[in-house]
Amino acid sequence: MENIDELKQHTKGKPKYKLKNASVFVSPGGFHYIDHLDPTHEIPPEIDGSGLTDEEIAYIEESLQSNPERLQNQVAAVKRQFPVAGKKALDIGCGGGLFLSKLKAEGAEVTGIELSDTRAYYAATRHGFEVIKRAIENEYWQSLYGTFDIVSMWDVIEHVNYPLATLQHAAKMLKPGGVLFVDTPCRDAFYHRFGEFTYTISGGRFPTFLNAMYSSKPFGHKQIFSLAEMHGLFEAAGLVMVELKRFHELSFPYSFYLKKLARSDLLVNLLLPLVHVFFMLFPIRNKMLAVGKKPQPKNGYAEVGSSGAII
């Protein structure tokens, strides 16, 4: 498998897709990514909640966390692996904290990572658990290697600068037998393929879904993975894949995506009922779920890091 982190560090050639908010490059092996990196090293660790306005709270509650099926899918994925009670869970990119609040209510000890000040402050104050504003690659986490049963990244891996490094650091947080959960848009699915098709036949004039899937705005979608690429990433992170599948789920309300595709509010309102009916009849499997387990050491002894933590 290609080293996708090195590809992103040394982007060459012309983009294959020139979109409204990004230029998408395609590697010889087929990996799709944009040439934008966020300055995560410049983010201070202190959480500043002064920007948590009523408008931002409404966005968190009415858009970011508005899909109850999404939360149900996440919790169900964890429960398929083991009971939640008594487990230690780390959610990378915890957003408003709803997922961790559910695990906490069922007896888990939870910690969140969130780089957005407003979301970190909202999650910590609304749900009452610790939220750390430091990327998983930060040396801060080294003393906690090997201490979590559950590490999750829900709709996060598509946003990070270097996905392989992020997954490798996430895997280090797991105890032997611990499980990493990732969900993300899938490039093998209809939306991406249809976007590529419309872009090609229109000479780039109509990217359709591609415009909603990639963005060089801060913390936008930087890459969309295929199932095979995700499997390779988990292997490179030292994890054994126990579940890998496509499924239907939209992270935001249907209107959110319609507004990206159709600039007219009137058109959005006209299309919205039809979209609801369409997805009831045809639940397109647009996302993937990847679940990987950290193997037990072969010699019966866990490797111990310099901090004394099991890794």
C-alpha atoms as a PDB file:
ATOM      1  CA  MET A   1       0.000   0.000   0.000  1.00  0.00           C
ATOM      2  CA  GLU A   2       1.146   3.554  -0.723  1.00  0.00           C
ATOM      3  CA  ASN A   3       2.325   5.663   2.200  1.00  0.00           C
ATOM      4  CA  ILE A   4      -0.494   8.170   1.979  1.00  0.00           C
ATOM      5  CA  ASP A   5       1.078  10.548   4.495  1.00  0.00           C
ATOM      6  CA  GLU A   6       4.187  10.890   2.341  1.00  0.00           C
ATOM      7  CA  LEU A   7       2.025  11.416  -0.740  1.00  0.00           C
ATOM      8  CA  LYS A   8       0.308  14.348   0.932  1.00  0.00           C
ATOM      9  CA  GLN A   9       3.623  15.870   2.014  1.00  0.00           C
ATOM     10  CA  HIS A  10       4.997  15.790  -1.527  1.00  0.00           C
ATOM     11  CA  THR A  11       2.020  16.553  -3.755  1.00  0.00           C
ATOM     12  CA  LYS A  12       3.030  16.737  -7.422  1.00  0.00           C
ATOM     13  CA  GLY A  13       1.351  17.100 -10.784  1.00  0.00           C
ATOM     14  CA  LYS A  14      -2.031  18.499 -11.699  1.00  0.00           C
ATOM     15  CA  PRO A  15      -5.234  17.854  -9.787  1.00  0.00           C
ATOM     16  CA  LYS A  16      -7.681  15.433 -11.345  1.00  0.00           C
ATOM     17  CA  TYR A  17     -10.735  17.317 -10.077  1.00  0.00           C
ATOM     18  CA  LYS A  18     -10.919  21.107  -9.701  1.00  0.00           C
ATOM     19  CA  LEU A  19     -13.847  21.769  -7.375  1.00  0.00           C
ATOM     20  CA  LYS A  20     -15.456  24.865  -5.873  1.00  0.00           C
ATOM     21  CA  ASN A  21     -13.592  24.564  -2.557  1.00  0.00           C
ATOM     22  CA  ALA A  22     -10.702  22.221  -3.333  1.00  0.00           C
ATOM     23  CA  SER A  23      -8.466  20.586  -5.905  1.00  0.00           C
ATOM     24  CA  VAL A  24      -8.413  16.785  -5.673  1.00  0.00           C
ATOM     25  CA  PHE A  25      -5.269  14.840  -6.518  1.00  0.00           C
ATOM     26  CA  VAL A  26      -5.226  11.124  -7.292  1.00  0.00           C
ATOM     27  CA  SER A  27      -2.122   9.043  -6.620  1.00  0.00           C
ATOM     28  CA  PRO A  28      -0.927   6.248  -8.950  1.00  0.00           C
ATOM     29  CA  GLY A  29      -2.533   3.787  -6.517  1.00  0.00           C
ATOM     30  CA  GLY A  30      -5.867   5.618  -6.594  1.00  0.00           C
ATOM     31  CA  PHE A  31      -5.791   7.501  -3.269  1.00  0.00           C
ATOM     32  CA  HIS A  32      -7.883  10.717  -3.469  1.00  0.00           C
ATOM     33  CA  TYR A  33      -6.769  13.744  -1.446  1.00  0.00           C
ATOM     34  CA  ILE A  34      -6.488  17.534  -1.513  1.00  0.00           C
ATOM     35  CA  ASP A  35      -3.320  19.579  -1.048  1.00  0.00           C
ATOM     36  CA  HIS A  36      -4.464  21.573   1.992  1.00  0.00           C
ATOM     37  CA  LEU A  37      -3.129  21.042   5.518  1.00  0.00           C
ATOM     38  CA  ASP A  38      -4.481  22.644   8.692  1.00  0.00           C
ATOM     39  CA  PRO A  39      -1.989  24.304  11.108  1.00  0.00           C
ATOM     40  CA  THR A  40      -2.911  22.043  14.030  1.00  0.00           C
ATOM     41  CA  HIS A  41       0.465  22.663  15.695  1.00  0.00           C
ATOM     42  CA  GLU A  42      -0.579  26.295  16.218  1.00  0.00           C
ATOM     43  CA  ILE A  43      -3.700  25.438  18.252  1.00  0.00           C
ATOM     44  CA  PRO A  44      -3.254  26.334  21.956  1.00  0.00           C
ATOM     45  CA  PRO A  45      -4.344  23.669  24.473  1.00  0.00           C
ATOM     46  CA  GLU A  46      -6.429  26.052  26.602  1.00  0.00           C
ATOM     47  CA  ILE A  47     -10.183  25.845  25.990  1.00  0.00           C
ATOM     48  CA  ASP A  48     -11.778  29.248  25.424  1.00  0.00           C
ATOM     49  CA  GLY A  49     -15.535  29.051  25.782  1.00  0.00           C
ATOM     50  CA  SER A  50     -16.195  32.739  25.184  1.00  0.00           C
ATOM     51  CA  GLY A  51     -17.277  32.108  21.597  1.00  0.00           C
ATOM     52  CA  LEU A  52     -20.034  29.669  22.521  1.00  0.00           C
ATOM     53  CA  THR A  53     -22.940  31.792  21.345  1.00  0.00           C
ATOM     54  CA  ASP A  54     -26.600  30.810  21.182  1.00  0.00           C
ATOM     55  CA  GLU A  55     -26.127  30.431  17.431  1.00  0.00           C
ATOM     56  CA  GLU A  56     -23.261  27.996  17.903  1.00  0.00           C
ATOM     57  CA  ILE A  57     -25.219  26.007  20.495  1.00  0.00           C
ATOM     58  CA  ALA A  58     -28.112  25.792  18.032  1.00  0.00           C
ATOM     59  CA  TYR A  59     -25.741  24.497  15.342  1.00  0.00           C
ATOM     60  CA  ILE A  60     -24.329  21.817  17.660  1.00  0.00           C
ATOM     61  CA  GLU A  61     -27.752  20.651  18.815  1.00  0.00           C
ATOM     62  CA  GLU A  62     -29.825  21.111  15.660  1.00  0.00           C
ATOM     63  CA  SER A  63     -27.295  20.195  12.953  1.00  0.00           C
ATOM     64  CA  LEU A  64     -24.133  18.549  14.276  1.00  0.00           C
ATOM     65  CA  GLN A  65     -26.042  16.258  16.654  1.00  0.00           C
ATOM     66  CA  SER A  66     -29.402  16.184  14.917  1.00  0.00           C
ATOM     67  CA  ASN A  67     -29.338  12.619  13.582  1.00  0.00           C
ATOM     68  CA  PRO A  68     -30.410  10.127  16.308  1.00  0.00           C
ATOM     69  CA  GLU A  69     -29.771   7.184  13.976  1.00  0.00           C
ATOM     70  CA  ARG A  70     -26.112   8.189  13.812  1.00  0.00           C
ATOM     71  CA  LEU A  71     -25.732   7.984  17.594  1.00  0.00           C
ATOM     72  CA  GLN A  72     -27.563   4.650  17.670  1.00  0.00           C
ATOM     73  CA  ASN A  73     -25.221   3.248  15.008  1.00  0.00           C
ATOM     74  CA  GLN A  74     -22.147   4.344  16.945  1.00  0.00           C
ATOM     75  CA  VAL A  75     -23.229   2.894  20.271  1.00  0.00           C
ATOM     76  CA  ALA A  76     -24.408  -0.333  18.611  1.00  0.00           C
ATOM     77  CA  ALA A  77     -21.009  -0.758  16.922  1.00  0.00           C
ATOM     78  CA  VAL A  78     -19.280  -0.594  20.320  1.00  0.00           C
ATOM     79  CA  LYS A  79     -21.736  -2.969  21.991  1.00  0.00           C
ATOM     80  CA  ARG A  80     -21.155  -5.577  19.283  1.00  0.00           C
ATOM     81  CA  GLN A  81     -17.597  -5.875  20.606  1.00  0.00           C
ATOM     82  CA  PHE A  82     -18.143  -5.826  24.374  1.00  0.00           C
ATOM     83  CA  PRO A  83     -20.317  -4.388  27.167  1.00  0.00           C
ATOM     84  CA  VAL A  84     -19.736  -0.688  27.778  1.00  0.00           C
ATOM     85  CA  ALA A  85     -19.895  -0.634  31.593  1.00  0.00           C
ATOM     86  CA  GLY A  86     -16.496  -0.337  33.243  1.00  0.00           C
ATOM     87  CA  LYS A  87     -14.624   0.397  29.999  1.00  0.00           C
ATOM     88  CA  LYS A  88     -12.365   3.387  29.394  1.00  0.00           C
ATOM     89  CA  ALA A  89     -13.285   5.271  26.199  1.00  0.00           C
ATOM     90  CA  LEU A  90     -11.505   8.001  24.230  1.00  0.00           C
ATOM     91  CA  ASP A  91     -13.411   9.778  21.460  1.00  0.00           C
ATOM     92  CA  ILE A  92     -11.141  11.674  19.051  1.00  0.00           C
ATOM     93  CA  GLY A  93     -13.030  14.630  17.640  1.00  0.00           C
ATOM     94  CA  CYS A  94     -15.835  14.333  20.167  1.00  0.00           C
ATOM     95  CA  GLY A  95     -17.751  17.368  18.880  1.00  0.00           C
ATOM     96  CA  GLY A  96     -20.619  18.218  21.206  1.00  0.00           C
ATOM     97  CA  GLY A  97     -20.010  15.074  23.265  1.00  0.00           C
ATOM     98  CA  LEU A  98     -23.298  13.238  22.707  1.00  0.00           C
ATOM     99  CA  PHE A  99     -21.671   9.867  21.956  1.00  0.00           C
ATOM    100  CA  LEU A 100     -19.486   9.955  25.063  1.00  0.00           C
ATOM    101  CA  SER A 101     -22.402  11.107  27.185  1.00  0.00           C
ATOM    102  CA  LYS A 102     -24.254   7.948  26.131  1.00  0.00           C
ATOM    103  CA  LEU A 103     -21.300   5.713  27.059  1.00  0.00           C
ATOM    104  CA  LYS A 104     -20.906   7.577  30.352  1.00  0.00           C
ATOM    105  CA  ALA A 105     -24.565   6.985  31.184  1.00  0.00           C
ATOM    106  CA  GLU A 106     -23.981   3.255  30.675  1.00  0.00           C
ATOM    107  CA  GLY A 107     -21.055   3.111  33.075  1.00  0.00           C
ATOM    108  CA  ALA A 108     -17.978   3.893  30.953  1.00  0.00           C
ATOM    109  CA  GLU A 109     -15.154   6.215  32.003  1.00  0.00           C
ATOM    110  CA  VAL A 110     -14.896   8.692  29.143  1.00  0.00           C
ATOM    111  CA  THR A 111     -12.497  11.314  27.776  1.00  0.00           C
ATOM    112  CA  GLY A 112     -12.885  13.466  24.688  1.00  0.00           C
ATOM    113  CA  ILE A 113     -10.465  15.131  22.297  1.00  0.00           C
ATOM    114  CA  GLU A 114     -11.787  18.216  20.530  1.00  0.00           C
ATOM    115  CA  LEU A 115      -9.792  21.001  18.824  1.00  0.00           C
ATOM    116  CA  SER A 116     -12.720  23.409  18.465  1.00  0.00           C
ATOM    117  CA  ASP A 117     -12.949  25.723  21.480  1.00  0.00           C
ATOM    118  CA  THR A 118     -16.718  26.069  21.349  1.00  0.00           C
ATOM    119  CA  ARG A 119     -17.429  22.360  20.916  1.00  0.00           C
ATOM    120  CA  ALA A 120     -14.882  21.349  23.543  1.00  0.00           C
ATOM    121  CA  TYR A 121     -16.375  23.809  26.036  1.00  0.00           C
ATOM    122  CA  TYR A 122     -19.926  22.733  25.195  1.00  0.00           C
ATOM    123  CA  ALA A 123     -19.135  19.017  25.605  1.00  0.00           C
ATOM    124  CA  ALA A 124     -17.297  19.459  28.899  1.00  0.00           C
ATOM    125  CA  THR A 125     -19.856  21.768  30.496  1.00  0.00           C
ATOM    126  CA  ARG A 126     -23.016  20.197  29.113  1.00  0.00           C
ATOM    127  CA  HIS A 127     -22.083  16.547  29.694  1.00  0.00           C
ATOM    128  CA  GLY A 128     -19.583  16.756  32.557  1.00  0.00           C
ATOM    129  CA  PHE A 129     -16.577  14.796  31.301  1.00  0.00           C
ATOM    130  CA  GLU A 130     -12.966  15.736  30.567  1.00  0.00           C
ATOM    131  CA  VAL A 131     -12.222  17.176  27.139  1.00  0.00           C
ATOM    132  CA  ILE A 132      -8.606  17.709  26.058  1.00  0.00           C
ATOM    133  CA  LYS A 133      -7.778  20.204  23.306  1.00  0.00           C
ATOM    134  CA  ARG A 134      -4.662  18.465  22.025  1.00  0.00           C
ATOM    135  CA  ALA A 135      -4.342  16.412  18.837  1.00  0.00           C
ATOM    136  CA  ILE A 136      -3.809  12.686  19.326  1.00  0.00           C
ATOM    137  CA  GLU A 137      -0.322  13.058  17.792  1.00  0.00           C
ATOM    138  CA  ASN A 138       0.700  15.459  20.593  1.00  0.00           C
ATOM    139  CA  GLU A 139       3.325  14.181  23.054  1.00  0.00           C
ATOM    140  CA  TYR A 140       0.836  14.908  25.854  1.00  0.00           C
ATOM    141  CA  TRP A 141      -0.796  11.527  25.174  1.00  0.00           C
ATOM    142  CA  GLN A 142       2.359   9.419  25.513  1.00  0.00           C
ATOM    143  CA  SER A 143       1.850   8.825  29.232  1.00  0.00           C
ATOM    144  CA  LEU A 144      -1.611   7.395  28.456  1.00  0.00           C
ATOM    145  CA  TYR A 145      -0.562   4.886  25.802  1.00  0.00           C
ATOM    146  CA  GLY A 146      -2.182   1.515  26.349  1.00  0.00           C
ATOM    147  CA  THR A 147      -4.826   2.684  28.820  1.00  0.00           C
ATOM    148  CA  PHE A 148      -8.096   2.697  26.834  1.00  0.00           C
ATOM    149  CA  ASP A 149     -10.463  -0.124  25.913  1.00  0.00           C
ATOM    150  CA  ILE A 150     -12.300   1.967  23.312  1.00  0.00           C
ATOM    151  CA  VAL A 151     -10.954   4.597  20.943  1.00  0.00           C
ATOM    152  CA  SER A 152     -13.353   6.095  18.429  1.00  0.00           C
ATOM    153  CA  MET A 153     -13.112   8.461  15.470  1.00  0.00           C
ATOM    154  CA  TRP A 154     -16.579   9.226  14.142  1.00  0.00           C
ATOM    155  CA  ASP A 155     -16.430  11.240  10.900  1.00  0.00           C
ATOM    156  CA  VAL A 156     -12.903  12.394  11.732  1.00  0.00           C
ATOM    157  CA  ILE A 157     -10.331  10.553   9.594  1.00  0.00           C
ATOM    158  CA  GLU A 158     -11.425  12.411   6.442  1.00  0.00           C
ATOM    159  CA  HIS A 159     -10.551  15.729   8.151  1.00  0.00           C
ATOM    160  CA  VAL A 160      -7.021  15.068   9.444  1.00  0.00           C
ATOM    161  CA  ASN A 161      -3.766  16.121   7.807  1.00  0.00           C
ATOM    162  CA  TYR A 162      -1.994  12.758   7.944  1.00  0.00           C
ATOM    163  CA  PRO A 163      -4.463   9.875   8.372  1.00  0.00           C
ATOM    164  CA  LEU A 164      -1.904   7.093   8.759  1.00  0.00           C
ATOM    165  CA  ALA A 165      -0.100   8.889  11.583  1.00  0.00           C
ATOM    166  CA  THR A 166      -3.404   9.702  13.252  1.00  0.00           C
ATOM    167  CA  LEU A 167      -4.513   6.062  13.173  1.00  0.00           C
ATOM    168  CA  GLN A 168      -1.149   4.848  14.437  1.00  0.00           C
ATOM    169  CA  HIS A 169      -1.299   7.203  17.413  1.00  0.00           C
ATOM    170  CA  ALA A 170      -4.919   6.260  18.077  1.00  0.00           C
ATOM    171  CA  ALA A 171      -3.916   2.587  18.115  1.00  0.00           C
ATOM    172  CA  LYS A 172      -1.185   3.306  20.679  1.00  0.00           C
ATOM    173  CA  MET A 173      -3.865   4.469  23.106  1.00  0.00           C
ATOM    174  CA  LEU A 174      -5.451   1.003  23.175  1.00  0.00           C
ATOM    175  CA  LYS A 175      -4.853  -1.737  25.697  1.00  0.00           C
ATOM    176  CA  PRO A 176      -4.137  -5.163  24.188  1.00  0.00           C
ATOM    177  CA  GLY A 177      -7.580  -6.390  23.171  1.00  0.00           C
ATOM    178  CA  GLY A 178      -8.863  -2.815  22.916  1.00  0.00           C
ATOM    179  CA  VAL A 179     -10.842  -1.755  19.868  1.00  0.00           C
ATOM    180  CA  LEU A 180     -10.653   1.215  17.491  1.00  0.00           C
ATOM    181  CA  PHE A 181     -13.838   2.385  15.761  1.00  0.00           C
ATOM    182  CA  VAL A 182     -13.791   4.553  12.632  1.00  0.00           C
ATOM    183  CA  ASP A 183     -16.594   5.687  10.365  1.00  0.00           C
ATOM    184  CA  THR A 184     -16.154   7.927   7.360  1.00  0.00           C
ATOM    185  CA  PRO A 185     -17.554   8.569   3.869  1.00  0.00           C
ATOM    186  CA  CYS A 186     -16.742   5.770   1.425  1.00  0.00           C
ATOM    187  CA  ARG A 187     -15.227   6.337  -2.016  1.00  0.00           C
ATOM    188  CA  ASP A 188     -16.580   3.000  -3.213  1.00  0.00           C
ATOM    189  CA  ALA A 189     -20.134   4.281  -2.760  1.00  0.00           C
ATOM    190  CA  PHE A 190     -22.634   5.858  -5.156  1.00  0.00           C
ATOM    191  CA  TYR A 191     -22.144   9.518  -4.248  1.00  0.00           C
ATOM    192  CA  HIS A 192     -18.432   9.672  -4.993  1.00  0.00           C
ATOM    193  CA  ARG A 193     -18.709   7.551  -8.120  1.00  0.00           C
ATOM    194  CA  PHE A 194     -21.632   9.590  -9.438  1.00  0.00           C
ATOM    195  CA  GLY A 195     -19.693  12.803  -8.744  1.00  0.00           C
ATOM    196  CA  GLU A 196     -16.722  11.509 -10.703  1.00  0.00           C
ATOM    197  CA  PHE A 197     -19.052  10.498 -13.546  1.00  0.00           C
ATOM    198  CA  THR A 198     -20.829  13.861 -13.797  1.00  0.00           C
ATOM    199  CA  TYR A 199     -17.516  15.722 -13.522  1.00  0.00           C
ATOM    200  CA  THR A 200     -16.023  13.698 -16.361  1.00  0.00           C
ATOM    201  CA  ILE A 201     -18.936  13.866 -18.804  1.00  0.00           C
ATOM    202  CA  SER A 202     -19.450  17.601 -18.182  1.00  0.00           C
ATOM    203  CA  GLY A 203     -15.786  18.512 -18.524  1.00  0.00           C
ATOM    204  CA  GLY A 204     -15.669  19.609 -14.885  1.00  0.00           C
ATOM    205  CA  ARG A 205     -18.739  21.873 -14.976  1.00  0.00           C
ATOM    206  CA  PHE A 206     -20.954  19.617 -12.814  1.00  0.00           C
ATOM    207  CA  PRO A 207     -19.040  17.900  -9.990  1.00  0.00           C
ATOM    208  CA  THR A 208     -22.371  17.306  -8.150  1.00  0.00           C
ATOM    209  CA  PHE A 209     -21.564  15.327  -4.983  1.00  0.00           C
ATOM    210  CA  LEU A 210     -17.804  15.909  -5.170  1.00  0.00           C
ATOM    211  CA  ASN A 211     -18.355  19.535  -4.149  1.00  0.00           C
ATOM    212  CA  ALA A 212     -19.899  18.328  -0.884  1.00  0.00           C
ATOM    213  CA  MET A 213     -17.195  15.712  -0.243  1.00  0.00           C
ATOM    214  CA  TYR A 214     -13.974  17.754  -0.410  1.00  0.00           C
ATOM    215  CA  SER A 215     -13.090  21.161   1.021  1.00  0.00           C
ATOM    216  CA  SER A 216      -9.897  23.120   1.683  1.00  0.00           C
ATOM    217  CA  LYS A 217     -11.693  25.236   4.270  1.00  0.00           C
ATOM    218  CA  PRO A 218     -10.338  24.822   7.827  1.00  0.00           C
ATOM    219  CA  PHE A 219     -10.850  21.223   8.962  1.00  0.00           C
ATOM    220  CA  GLY A 220     -12.728  20.302   5.803  1.00  0.00           C
ATOM    221  CA  HIS A 221     -12.664  16.911   4.091  1.00  0.00           C
ATOM    222  CA  LYS A 222      -9.097  16.289   2.923  1.00  0.00           C
ATOM    223  CA  GLN A 223      -9.415  12.688   1.719  1.00  0.00           C
ATOM    224  CA  ILE A 224     -12.069  10.077   1.026  1.00  0.00           C
ATOM    225  CA  PHE A 225     -11.061   6.426   1.425  1.00  0.00           C
ATOM    226  CA  SER A 226     -11.958   3.205  -0.301  1.00  0.00           C
ATOM    227  CA  LEU A 227     -12.615   0.060   1.723  1.00  0.00           C
ATOM    228  CA  ALA A 228      -9.299  -1.427   0.591  1.00  0.00           C
ATOM    229  CA  GLU A 229      -7.377   1.689   1.644  1.00  0.00           C
ATOM    230  CA  MET A 230      -8.981   1.672   5.074  1.00  0.00           C
ATOM    231  CA  HIS A 231      -8.109  -1.997   5.528  1.00  0.00           C
ATOM    232  CA  GLY A 232      -4.502  -1.192   4.650  1.00  0.00           C
ATOM    233  CA  LEU A 233      -4.412   1.710   7.118  1.00  0.00           C
ATOM    234  CA  PHE A 234      -5.607  -0.502   9.965  1.00  0.00           C
ATOM    235  CA  GLU A 235      -2.982  -3.112   9.144  1.00  0.00           C
ATOM    236  CA  ALA A 236      -0.288  -0.417   9.036  1.00  0.00           C
ATOM    237  CA  ALA A 237      -1.434   0.732  12.491  1.00  0.00           C
ATOM    238  CA  GLY A 238      -0.956  -2.817  13.838  1.00  0.00           C
ATOM    239  CA  LEU A 239      -4.653  -3.604  14.229  1.00  0.00           C
ATOM    240  CA  VAL A 240      -6.597  -6.706  13.254  1.00  0.00           C
ATOM    241  CA  MET A 241      -9.704  -5.782  11.278  1.00  0.00           C
ATOM    242  CA  VAL A 242     -12.779  -7.363  12.856  1.00  0.00           C
ATOM    243  CA  GLU A 243     -15.484  -5.466  10.953  1.00  0.00           C
ATOM    244  CA  LEU A 244     -15.426  -3.512   7.690  1.00  0.00           C
ATOM    245  CA  LYS A 245     -18.632  -2.671   5.895  1.00  0.00           C
ATOM    246  CA  ARG A 246     -20.550  -0.014   3.996  1.00  0.00           C
ATOM    247  CA  PHE A 247     -23.790   1.340   5.423  1.00  0.00           C
ATOM    248  CA  HIS A 248     -26.295   4.153   4.914  1.00  0.00           C
ATOM    249  CA  GLU A 249     -26.005   7.221   7.115  1.00  0.00           C
ATOM    250  CA  LEU A 250     -25.941  10.972   6.650  1.00  0.00           C
ATOM    251  CA  SER A 251     -24.119  13.004   9.267  1.00  0.00           C
ATOM    252  CA  PHE A 252     -26.295  16.068   8.773  1.00  0.00           C
ATOM    253  CA  PRO A 253     -29.943  16.641   7.847  1.00  0.00           C
ATOM    254  CA  TYR A 254     -30.816  16.151   4.173  1.00  0.00           C
ATOM    255  CA  SER A 255     -31.365  19.905   3.805  1.00  0.00           C
ATOM    256  CA  PHE A 256     -27.700  20.528   4.659  1.00  0.00           C
ATOM    257  CA  TYR A 257     -26.548  18.594   1.599  1.00  0.00           C
ATOM    258  CA  LEU A 258     -29.284  19.941  -0.672  1.00  0.00           C
ATOM    259  CA  LYS A 259     -28.158  23.489   0.074  1.00  0.00           C
ATOM    260  CA  LYS A 260     -24.660  22.582  -1.106  1.00  0.00           C
ATOM    261  CA  LEU A 261     -26.018  21.170  -4.366  1.00  0.00           C
ATOM    262  CA  ALA A 262     -28.846  23.628  -5.073  1.00  0.00           C
ATOM    263  CA  ARG A 263     -28.359  27.319  -4.323  1.00  0.00           C
ATOM    264  CA  SER A 264     -32.059  28.090  -4.283  1.00  0.00           C
ATOM    265  CA  ASP A 265     -33.927  27.744  -0.959  1.00  0.00           C
ATOM    266  CA  LEU A 266     -37.136  27.245  -2.921  1.00  0.00           C
ATOM    267  CA  LEU A 267     -35.605  24.313  -4.781  1.00  0.00           C
ATOM    268  CA  VAL A 268     -34.337  22.832  -1.518  1.00  0.00           C
ATOM    269  CA  ASN A 269     -37.829  23.013   0.006  1.00  0.00           C
ATOM    270  CA  LEU A 270     -39.350  21.392  -3.074  1.00  0.00           C
ATOM    271  CA  LEU A 271     -36.799  18.578  -3.180  1.00  0.00           C
ATOM    272  CA  LEU A 272     -36.689  17.783   0.545  1.00  0.00           C
ATOM    273  CA  PRO A 273     -39.869  15.628   0.714  1.00  0.00           C
ATOM    274  CA  LEU A 274     -38.766  13.707  -2.371  1.00  0.00           C
ATOM    275  CA  VAL A 275     -35.351  13.079  -0.843  1.00  0.00           C
ATOM    276  CA  HIS A 276     -36.918  11.664   2.336  1.00  0.00           C
ATOM    277  CA  VAL A 277     -39.032   9.253   0.285  1.00  0.00           C
ATOM    278  CA  PHE A 278     -36.079   8.289  -1.912  1.00  0.00           C
ATOM    279  CA  PHE A 279     -33.869   7.282   1.026  1.00  0.00           C
ATOM    280  CA  MET A 280     -36.691   5.327   2.619  1.00  0.00           C
ATOM    281  CA  LEU A 281     -36.915   3.269  -0.558  1.00  0.00           C
ATOM    282  CA  PHE A 282     -33.211   3.236  -1.500  1.00  0.00           C
ATOM    283  CA  PRO A 283     -30.892   3.482   1.536  1.00  0.00           C
ATOM    284  CA  ILE A 284     -27.630   4.114  -0.350  1.00  0.00           C
ATOM    285  CA  ARG A 285     -24.640   2.743   1.570  1.00  0.00           C
ATOM    286  CA  ASN A 286     -22.541   5.897   1.445  1.00  0.00           C
ATOM    287  CA  LYS A 287     -20.337   5.396   4.520  1.00  0.00           C
ATOM    288  CA  MET A 288     -18.008   2.763   5.895  1.00  0.00           C
ATOM    289  CA  LEU A 289     -17.511   1.401   9.380  1.00  0.00           C
ATOM    290  CA  ALA A 290     -14.094   0.014  10.233  1.00  0.00           C
ATOM    291  CA  VAL A 291     -13.428  -1.766  13.517  1.00  0.00           C
ATOM    292  CA  GLY A 292      -9.984  -3.018  14.477  1.00  0.00           C
ATOM    293  CA  LYS A 293      -8.669  -4.806  17.552  1.00  0.00           C
ATOM    294  CA  LYS A 294      -5.231  -4.421  19.101  1.00  0.00           C
ATOM    295  CA  PRO A 295      -3.805  -7.938  19.277  1.00  0.00           C
ATOM    296  CA  GLN A 296      -2.585  -9.538  22.463  1.00  0.00           C
ATOM    297  CA  PRO A 297       1.235  -9.830  22.591  1.00  0.00           C
ATOM    298  CA  LYS A 298       2.392 -13.189  21.239  1.00  0.00           C
ATOM    299  CA  ASN A 299       4.790 -13.893  24.081  1.00  0.00           C
ATOM    300  CA  GLY A 300       2.151 -13.222  26.721  1.00  0.00           C
ATOM    301  CA  TYR A 301       3.810 -10.017  27.885  1.00  0.00           C
ATOM    302  CA  ALA A 302       2.749  -6.537  26.851  1.00  0.00           C
ATOM    303  CA  GLU A 303       5.390  -4.132  25.631  1.00  0.00           C
ATOM    304  CA  VAL A 304       5.944  -1.332  28.137  1.00  0.00           C
ATOM    305  CA  GLY A 305       6.811   2.181  27.047  1.00  0.00           C
ATOM    306  CA  SER A 306       9.180   4.617  28.744  1.00  0.00           C
ATOM    307  CA  SER A 307       6.287   6.025  30.771  1.00  0.00           C
ATOM    308  CA  GLY A 308       5.445   2.606  32.133  1.00  0.00           C
ATOM    309  CA  ALA A 309       2.204   2.412  30.162  1.00  0.00           C
ATOM    310  CA  ILE A 310       1.380  -0.689  28.186  1.00  0.00           C
ATOM    311  CA  ILE A 311       1.540   0.006  24.418  1.00  0.00           C
END
